[in-house]
Amino acid sequence: MDQQTNIIIGLIIAVIMAIVSWIIISSRQRQLDDPNDNSVVYFEQLNDICSLQSGGKYLLRVLRQSGNLQKEDQIYSSSESAIKAAISTFKRAKIECAHITKNTEVEFFFRRPYYHHGGSAEGKKVGSIEIYKVE
């Protein structure tokens, strides 16, 4: 293939990726705006939606987009304090809402609403939160 063909193929792939990204972002926004959909929520709603049992201790795990630990696990005395710390971490990363992936009596997982392609640091961005009831 010549150089001109490679450029055209590259542009087509870039346009397709942009369209897919736009579709995903607009889908998450529709979920966020739908009051009957609890899969994507604002941080103020997390405590109300959380199904964790009360009492005991809770482990907070912050993961990067790559799946690696962002920081060491922390133990909290209530689910509310663990959620508050998680929200603080997400807000520092300039994330405005959360996509809930698991919500049971012993586990509460949520992540950023869409993958952030941030150049060379893309896998190092905060990706998800896992809260476990440990006691």
N, C-alpha and C. Protein backbone atom coordinates (compact mmCIF):
# COMPACT_ATOMS: atom_id res chain seq x y z
N MET A 1 0.84 -1.19 0.00
CA MET A 1 0.00 0.00 0.00
C MET A 1 0.88 1.24 0.00
N ASP A 2 0.40 2.26 -0.63
CA ASP A 2 1.15 3.49 -0.63
C ASP A 2 0.77 4.36 0.57
N GLN A 3 1.49 5.42 0.73
CA GLN A 3 1.31 6.29 1.90
C GLN A 3 -0.07 6.94 1.92
N GLN A 4 -0.59 7.31 0.78
CA GLN A 4 -1.90 7.96 0.71
C GLN A 4 -3.01 7.01 1.17
N THR A 5 -2.93 5.76 0.83
CA THR A 5 -3.92 4.77 1.25
C THR A 5 -3.86 4.58 2.76
N ASN A 6 -2.65 4.55 3.33
CA ASN A 6 -2.50 4.41 4.78
C ASN A 6 -3.11 5.59 5.53
N ILE A 7 -2.95 6.77 4.97
CA ILE A 7 -3.52 7.97 5.59
C ILE A 7 -5.05 7.90 5.57
N ILE A 8 -5.61 7.48 4.46
CA ILE A 8 -7.06 7.38 4.34
C ILE A 8 -7.61 6.34 5.31
N ILE A 9 -6.95 5.18 5.39
CA ILE A 9 -7.39 4.15 6.33
C ILE A 9 -7.30 4.66 7.77
N GLY A 10 -6.24 5.36 8.10
CA GLY A 10 -6.07 5.93 9.44
C GLY A 10 -7.17 6.92 9.77
N LEU A 11 -7.53 7.77 8.82
CA LEU A 11 -8.60 8.74 9.04
C LEU A 11 -9.95 8.05 9.23
N ILE A 12 -10.21 7.00 8.45
CA ILE A 12 -11.46 6.26 8.59
C ILE A 12 -11.55 5.63 9.97
N ILE A 13 -10.48 5.03 10.43
CA ILE A 13 -10.46 4.41 11.76
C ILE A 13 -10.66 5.46 12.84
N ALA A 14 -10.02 6.62 12.70
CA ALA A 14 -10.18 7.69 13.68
C ALA A 14 -11.62 8.18 13.75
N VAL A 15 -12.26 8.32 12.61
CA VAL A 15 -13.66 8.76 12.57
C VAL A 15 -14.56 7.73 13.22
N ILE A 16 -14.32 6.44 12.93
CA ILE A 16 -15.12 5.38 13.54
C ILE A 16 -14.96 5.39 15.06
N MET A 17 -13.73 5.55 15.55
CA MET A 17 -13.50 5.60 17.00
C MET A 17 -14.20 6.80 17.62
N ALA A 18 -14.19 7.93 16.95
CA ALA A 18 -14.86 9.12 17.47
C ALA A 18 -16.37 8.91 17.55
N ILE A 19 -16.93 8.26 16.54
CA ILE A 19 -18.37 8.01 16.54
C ILE A 19 -18.76 7.05 17.65
N VAL A 20 -17.99 5.98 17.83
CA VAL A 20 -18.27 5.01 18.90
C VAL A 20 -18.16 5.69 20.26
N SER A 21 -17.13 6.51 20.47
CA SER A 21 -16.97 7.22 21.74
C SER A 21 -18.16 8.15 22.00
N TRP A 22 -18.59 8.86 20.98
CA TRP A 22 -19.73 9.77 21.14
C TRP A 22 -20.99 8.99 21.50
N ILE A 23 -21.20 7.83 20.87
CA ILE A 23 -22.38 7.01 21.17
C ILE A 23 -22.36 6.54 22.61
N ILE A 24 -21.20 6.09 23.09
CA ILE A 24 -21.09 5.62 24.48
C ILE A 24 -21.33 6.75 25.46
N ILE A 25 -20.73 7.90 25.22
CA ILE A 25 -20.90 9.04 26.12
C ILE A 25 -22.36 9.49 26.15
N SER A 26 -23.01 9.57 25.00
CA SER A 26 -24.41 10.01 24.99
C SER A 26 -25.32 8.96 25.63
N SER A 27 -24.97 7.69 25.49
CA SER A 27 -25.75 6.63 26.15
C SER A 27 -25.67 6.77 27.67
N ARG A 28 -24.47 7.00 28.19
CA ARG A 28 -24.29 7.18 29.65
C ARG A 28 -25.03 8.42 30.13
N GLN A 29 -25.03 9.47 29.32
CA GLN A 29 -25.73 10.70 29.70
C GLN A 29 -27.23 10.46 29.78
N ARG A 30 -27.78 9.68 28.84
CA ARG A 30 -29.20 9.35 28.88
C ARG A 30 -29.52 8.54 30.13
N GLN A 31 -28.64 7.58 30.49
CA GLN A 31 -28.85 6.79 31.70
C GLN A 31 -28.80 7.69 32.93
N LEU A 32 -27.90 8.66 32.93
CA LEU A 32 -27.76 9.58 34.06
C LEU A 32 -29.00 10.45 34.21
N ASP A 33 -29.58 10.87 33.10
CA ASP A 33 -30.75 11.74 33.14
C ASP A 33 -32.06 11.00 33.40
N ASP A 34 -32.07 9.69 33.26
CA ASP A 34 -33.28 8.89 33.47
C ASP A 34 -33.46 8.61 34.96
N PRO A 35 -34.52 9.14 35.60
CA PRO A 35 -34.70 8.94 37.05
C PRO A 35 -35.01 7.49 37.43
N ASN A 36 -35.43 6.66 36.48
CA ASN A 36 -35.76 5.26 36.76
C ASN A 36 -34.57 4.32 36.55
N ASP A 37 -33.45 4.85 36.09
CA ASP A 37 -32.27 4.04 35.82
C ASP A 37 -31.21 4.34 36.88
N ASN A 38 -30.89 3.34 37.70
CA ASN A 38 -29.91 3.52 38.76
C ASN A 38 -28.53 2.98 38.39
N SER A 39 -28.27 2.73 37.12
CA SER A 39 -26.97 2.20 36.75
C SER A 39 -25.91 3.30 36.61
N VAL A 40 -26.31 4.51 36.28
CA VAL A 40 -25.40 5.65 36.23
C VAL A 40 -26.03 6.75 37.07
N VAL A 41 -25.30 7.21 38.10
CA VAL A 41 -25.88 8.17 39.05
C VAL A 41 -24.87 9.26 39.41
N TYR A 42 -25.41 10.36 39.91
CA TYR A 42 -24.56 11.39 40.48
C TYR A 42 -24.09 10.93 41.87
N PHE A 43 -22.99 11.47 42.33
CA PHE A 43 -22.41 11.03 43.60
C PHE A 43 -23.35 11.23 44.78
N GLU A 44 -24.19 12.25 44.73
CA GLU A 44 -25.11 12.52 45.83
C GLU A 44 -26.10 11.36 46.03
N GLN A 45 -26.30 10.55 45.01
CA GLN A 45 -27.27 9.45 45.07
C GLN A 45 -26.65 8.13 45.54
N LEU A 46 -25.33 8.05 45.63
CA LEU A 46 -24.68 6.77 45.93
C LEU A 46 -25.11 6.19 47.28
N ASN A 47 -25.14 7.00 48.32
CA ASN A 47 -25.55 6.49 49.65
C ASN A 47 -26.98 5.97 49.64
N ASP A 48 -27.86 6.60 48.89
CA ASP A 48 -29.25 6.16 48.82
C ASP A 48 -29.40 4.85 48.06
N ILE A 49 -28.59 4.66 47.06
CA ILE A 49 -28.67 3.48 46.20
C ILE A 49 -27.94 2.28 46.79
N CYS A 50 -26.93 2.53 47.59
CA CYS A 50 -26.07 1.48 48.14
C CYS A 50 -26.87 0.46 48.96
N SER A 51 -26.64 -0.83 48.70
CA SER A 51 -27.34 -1.91 49.40
C SER A 51 -26.49 -2.59 50.46
N LEU A 52 -25.33 -2.03 50.80
CA LEU A 52 -24.45 -2.65 51.78
C LEU A 52 -25.13 -2.74 53.14
N GLN A 53 -24.89 -3.86 53.84
CA GLN A 53 -25.41 -4.02 55.20
C GLN A 53 -24.77 -2.97 56.10
N SER A 54 -25.53 -2.51 57.07
CA SER A 54 -24.96 -1.52 57.99
C SER A 54 -24.23 -2.24 59.12
N GLY A 55 -23.33 -1.53 59.74
CA GLY A 55 -22.54 -2.10 60.83
C GLY A 55 -21.35 -2.87 60.31
N GLY A 56 -20.27 -2.87 61.09
CA GLY A 56 -19.08 -3.60 60.69
C GLY A 56 -18.04 -2.70 60.06
N LYS A 57 -17.10 -3.32 59.39
CA LYS A 57 -16.01 -2.59 58.74
C LYS A 57 -16.09 -2.81 57.23
N TYR A 58 -15.56 -1.83 56.49
CA TYR A 58 -15.64 -1.84 55.04
C TYR A 58 -14.28 -1.56 54.44
N LEU A 59 -13.90 -2.37 53.46
CA LEU A 59 -12.64 -2.20 52.76
C LEU A 59 -12.89 -1.42 51.48
N LEU A 60 -12.10 -0.37 51.27
CA LEU A 60 -12.20 0.46 50.07
C LEU A 60 -10.98 0.18 49.20
N ARG A 61 -11.23 -0.21 47.95
CA ARG A 61 -10.16 -0.47 46.99
C ARG A 61 -10.36 0.45 45.80
N VAL A 62 -9.31 1.22 45.47
CA VAL A 62 -9.35 2.14 44.33
C VAL A 62 -8.46 1.56 43.24
N LEU A 63 -9.05 1.34 42.06
CA LEU A 63 -8.33 0.74 40.95
C LEU A 63 -8.15 1.73 39.81
N ARG A 64 -7.06 1.57 39.09
CA ARG A 64 -6.83 2.37 37.88
C ARG A 64 -7.63 1.78 36.72
N GLN A 65 -7.68 2.51 35.62
CA GLN A 65 -8.34 1.99 34.42
C GLN A 65 -7.68 0.71 33.94
N SER A 66 -6.38 0.57 34.20
CA SER A 66 -5.65 -0.62 33.78
C SER A 66 -5.98 -1.84 34.62
N GLY A 67 -6.64 -1.63 35.78
CA GLY A 67 -6.98 -2.72 36.68
C GLY A 67 -6.02 -2.85 37.85
N ASN A 68 -4.92 -2.12 37.82
CA ASN A 68 -3.96 -2.13 38.93
C ASN A 68 -4.45 -1.24 40.06
N LEU A 69 -3.91 -1.49 41.26
CA LEU A 69 -4.28 -0.65 42.41
C LEU A 69 -3.81 0.78 42.21
N GLN A 70 -4.67 1.73 42.53
CA GLN A 70 -4.30 3.14 42.49
C GLN A 70 -3.60 3.52 43.79
N LYS A 71 -4.13 3.00 44.91
CA LYS A 71 -3.51 3.21 46.22
C LYS A 71 -3.86 2.02 47.10
N GLU A 72 -3.21 1.94 48.24
CA GLU A 72 -3.41 0.80 49.14
C GLU A 72 -4.86 0.75 49.64
N ASP A 73 -5.32 -0.47 49.92
CA ASP A 73 -6.67 -0.66 50.46
C ASP A 73 -6.79 0.05 51.80
N GLN A 74 -7.97 0.57 52.08
CA GLN A 74 -8.24 1.26 53.33
C GLN A 74 -9.47 0.66 53.99
N ILE A 75 -9.48 0.65 55.32
CA ILE A 75 -10.61 0.12 56.09
C ILE A 75 -11.36 1.29 56.72
N TYR A 76 -12.70 1.25 56.62
CA TYR A 76 -13.55 2.29 57.21
C TYR A 76 -14.57 1.65 58.14
N SER A 77 -15.05 2.43 59.09
CA SER A 77 -15.97 1.91 60.11
C SER A 77 -17.43 1.94 59.67
N SER A 78 -17.72 2.59 58.55
CA SER A 78 -19.10 2.61 58.05
C SER A 78 -19.09 2.66 56.52
N SER A 79 -20.17 2.21 55.93
CA SER A 79 -20.26 2.26 54.46
C SER A 79 -20.31 3.71 53.98
N GLU A 80 -20.95 4.57 54.78
CA GLU A 80 -21.04 5.99 54.40
C GLU A 80 -19.67 6.64 54.32
N SER A 81 -18.78 6.34 55.28
CA SER A 81 -17.45 6.94 55.26
C SER A 81 -16.61 6.37 54.11
N ALA A 82 -16.79 5.10 53.77
CA ALA A 82 -16.08 4.51 52.64
C ALA A 82 -16.55 5.14 51.33
N ILE A 83 -17.85 5.33 51.20
CA ILE A 83 -18.40 5.96 50.00
C ILE A 83 -17.94 7.41 49.91
N LYS A 84 -17.90 8.10 51.03
CA LYS A 84 -17.45 9.50 51.04
C LYS A 84 -16.00 9.60 50.57
N ALA A 85 -15.14 8.68 51.03
CA ALA A 85 -13.74 8.68 50.60
C ALA A 85 -13.63 8.36 49.11
N ALA A 86 -14.46 7.45 48.62
CA ALA A 86 -14.46 7.09 47.21
C ALA A 86 -14.89 8.28 46.35
N ILE A 87 -15.92 8.97 46.79
CA ILE A 87 -16.40 10.14 46.06
C ILE A 87 -15.31 11.20 46.00
N SER A 88 -14.62 11.40 47.10
CA SER A 88 -13.53 12.37 47.16
C SER A 88 -12.44 12.03 46.14
N THR A 89 -12.12 10.74 46.02
CA THR A 89 -11.11 10.30 45.05
C THR A 89 -11.59 10.58 43.63
N PHE A 90 -12.84 10.27 43.34
CA PHE A 90 -13.37 10.50 42.00
C PHE A 90 -13.44 11.99 41.69
N LYS A 91 -13.82 12.81 42.65
CA LYS A 91 -13.92 14.25 42.40
C LYS A 91 -12.54 14.86 42.14
N ARG A 92 -11.51 14.37 42.84
CA ARG A 92 -10.15 14.85 42.57
C ARG A 92 -9.73 14.50 41.14
N ALA A 93 -10.24 13.40 40.62
CA ALA A 93 -9.94 12.98 39.26
C ALA A 93 -10.88 13.65 38.25
N LYS A 94 -11.71 14.57 38.73
CA LYS A 94 -12.66 15.33 37.89
C LYS A 94 -13.68 14.42 37.21
N ILE A 95 -14.15 13.43 37.95
CA ILE A 95 -15.20 12.54 37.47
C ILE A 95 -16.49 13.00 38.14
N GLU A 96 -17.56 13.18 37.38
CA GLU A 96 -18.78 13.80 37.89
C GLU A 96 -19.87 12.82 38.29
N CYS A 97 -19.80 11.57 37.84
CA CYS A 97 -20.83 10.61 38.13
C CYS A 97 -20.23 9.21 38.12
N ALA A 98 -21.03 8.21 38.45
CA ALA A 98 -20.51 6.85 38.55
C ALA A 98 -21.44 5.86 37.87
N HIS A 99 -20.85 4.84 37.27
CA HIS A 99 -21.60 3.72 36.69
C HIS A 99 -21.52 2.56 37.69
N ILE A 100 -22.65 2.17 38.25
CA ILE A 100 -22.67 1.11 39.26
C ILE A 100 -22.62 -0.24 38.56
N THR A 101 -21.64 -1.06 38.96
CA THR A 101 -21.48 -2.37 38.32
C THR A 101 -21.89 -3.51 39.23
N LYS A 102 -21.88 -3.31 40.54
CA LYS A 102 -22.32 -4.36 41.48
C LYS A 102 -22.83 -3.68 42.74
N ASN A 103 -24.00 -4.13 43.20
CA ASN A 103 -24.60 -3.52 44.38
C ASN A 103 -25.32 -4.61 45.17
N THR A 104 -24.60 -5.24 46.09
CA THR A 104 -25.17 -6.30 46.92
C THR A 104 -25.03 -5.90 48.39
N GLU A 105 -25.40 -6.80 49.29
CA GLU A 105 -25.29 -6.50 50.72
C GLU A 105 -23.85 -6.51 51.22
N VAL A 106 -22.93 -7.13 50.48
CA VAL A 106 -21.53 -7.22 50.92
C VAL A 106 -20.54 -6.60 49.95
N GLU A 107 -20.99 -6.20 48.75
CA GLU A 107 -20.10 -5.59 47.77
C GLU A 107 -20.82 -4.44 47.06
N PHE A 108 -20.06 -3.35 46.86
CA PHE A 108 -20.59 -2.19 46.14
C PHE A 108 -19.47 -1.71 45.22
N PHE A 109 -19.65 -1.87 43.90
CA PHE A 109 -18.64 -1.50 42.93
C PHE A 109 -19.21 -0.43 42.01
N PHE A 110 -18.40 0.57 41.72
CA PHE A 110 -18.77 1.54 40.70
C PHE A 110 -17.51 2.04 40.01
N ARG A 111 -17.69 2.59 38.81
CA ARG A 111 -16.55 3.03 38.02
C ARG A 111 -16.89 4.30 37.26
N ARG A 112 -15.88 4.87 36.64
CA ARG A 112 -16.12 6.05 35.82
C ARG A 112 -17.08 5.66 34.70
N PRO A 113 -17.91 6.58 34.23
CA PRO A 113 -18.95 6.21 33.27
C PRO A 113 -18.42 5.77 31.90
N TYR A 114 -17.24 6.19 31.53
CA TYR A 114 -16.65 5.78 30.26
C TYR A 114 -15.14 5.81 30.38
N TYR A 115 -14.48 5.05 29.55
CA TYR A 115 -13.02 4.95 29.56
C TYR A 115 -12.42 6.26 29.11
N HIS A 116 -11.42 6.74 29.84
CA HIS A 116 -10.77 7.99 29.51
C HIS A 116 -9.48 7.69 28.77
N HIS A 117 -9.42 8.09 27.51
CA HIS A 117 -8.21 7.88 26.70
C HIS A 117 -7.33 9.10 26.90
N GLY A 118 -6.42 9.02 27.86
CA GLY A 118 -5.61 10.18 28.21
C GLY A 118 -4.17 10.10 27.77
N GLY A 119 -3.92 9.64 26.55
CA GLY A 119 -2.56 9.61 26.04
C GLY A 119 -1.70 8.59 26.77
N SER A 120 -0.48 8.96 27.08
CA SER A 120 0.46 8.02 27.69
C SER A 120 0.06 7.63 29.11
N ALA A 121 -0.77 8.41 29.76
CA ALA A 121 -1.18 8.13 31.14
C ALA A 121 -2.57 7.50 31.21
N GLU A 122 -3.11 6.99 30.09
CA GLU A 122 -4.50 6.55 30.09
C GLU A 122 -4.78 5.42 31.07
N GLY A 123 -3.88 4.48 31.26
CA GLY A 123 -4.11 3.37 32.18
C GLY A 123 -3.89 3.75 33.63
N LYS A 124 -3.31 4.93 33.88
CA LYS A 124 -3.00 5.36 35.23
C LYS A 124 -4.10 6.18 35.87
N LYS A 125 -5.14 6.49 35.14
CA LYS A 125 -6.26 7.28 35.66
C LYS A 125 -7.12 6.42 36.58
N VAL A 126 -7.78 7.06 37.54
CA VAL A 126 -8.70 6.34 38.42
C VAL A 126 -9.79 5.74 37.56
N GLY A 127 -10.04 4.45 37.76
CA GLY A 127 -11.01 3.77 36.93
C GLY A 127 -12.23 3.29 37.68
N SER A 128 -12.02 2.65 38.85
CA SER A 128 -13.16 2.08 39.55
C SER A 128 -12.92 2.01 41.05
N ILE A 129 -14.01 1.81 41.77
CA ILE A 129 -14.00 1.69 43.22
C ILE A 129 -14.67 0.37 43.58
N GLU A 130 -14.09 -0.32 44.53
CA GLU A 130 -14.70 -1.54 45.08
C GLU A 130 -14.78 -1.38 46.59
N ILE A 131 -15.98 -1.55 47.13
CA ILE A 131 -16.17 -1.49 48.59
C ILE A 131 -16.71 -2.86 49.03
N TYR A 132 -16.02 -3.47 49.98
CA TYR A 132 -16.39 -4.79 50.49
C TYR A 132 -16.72 -4.69 51.97
N LYS A 133 -17.75 -5.36 52.41
CA LYS A 133 -18.02 -5.50 53.85
C LYS A 133 -17.12 -6.61 54.34
N VAL A 134 -16.24 -6.31 55.31
CA VAL A 134 -15.26 -7.30 55.77
C VAL A 134 -15.58 -7.87 57.14
N GLU A 135 -16.44 -7.24 57.89
CA GLU A 135 -16.84 -7.75 59.21
C GLU A 135 -18.33 -7.66 59.38
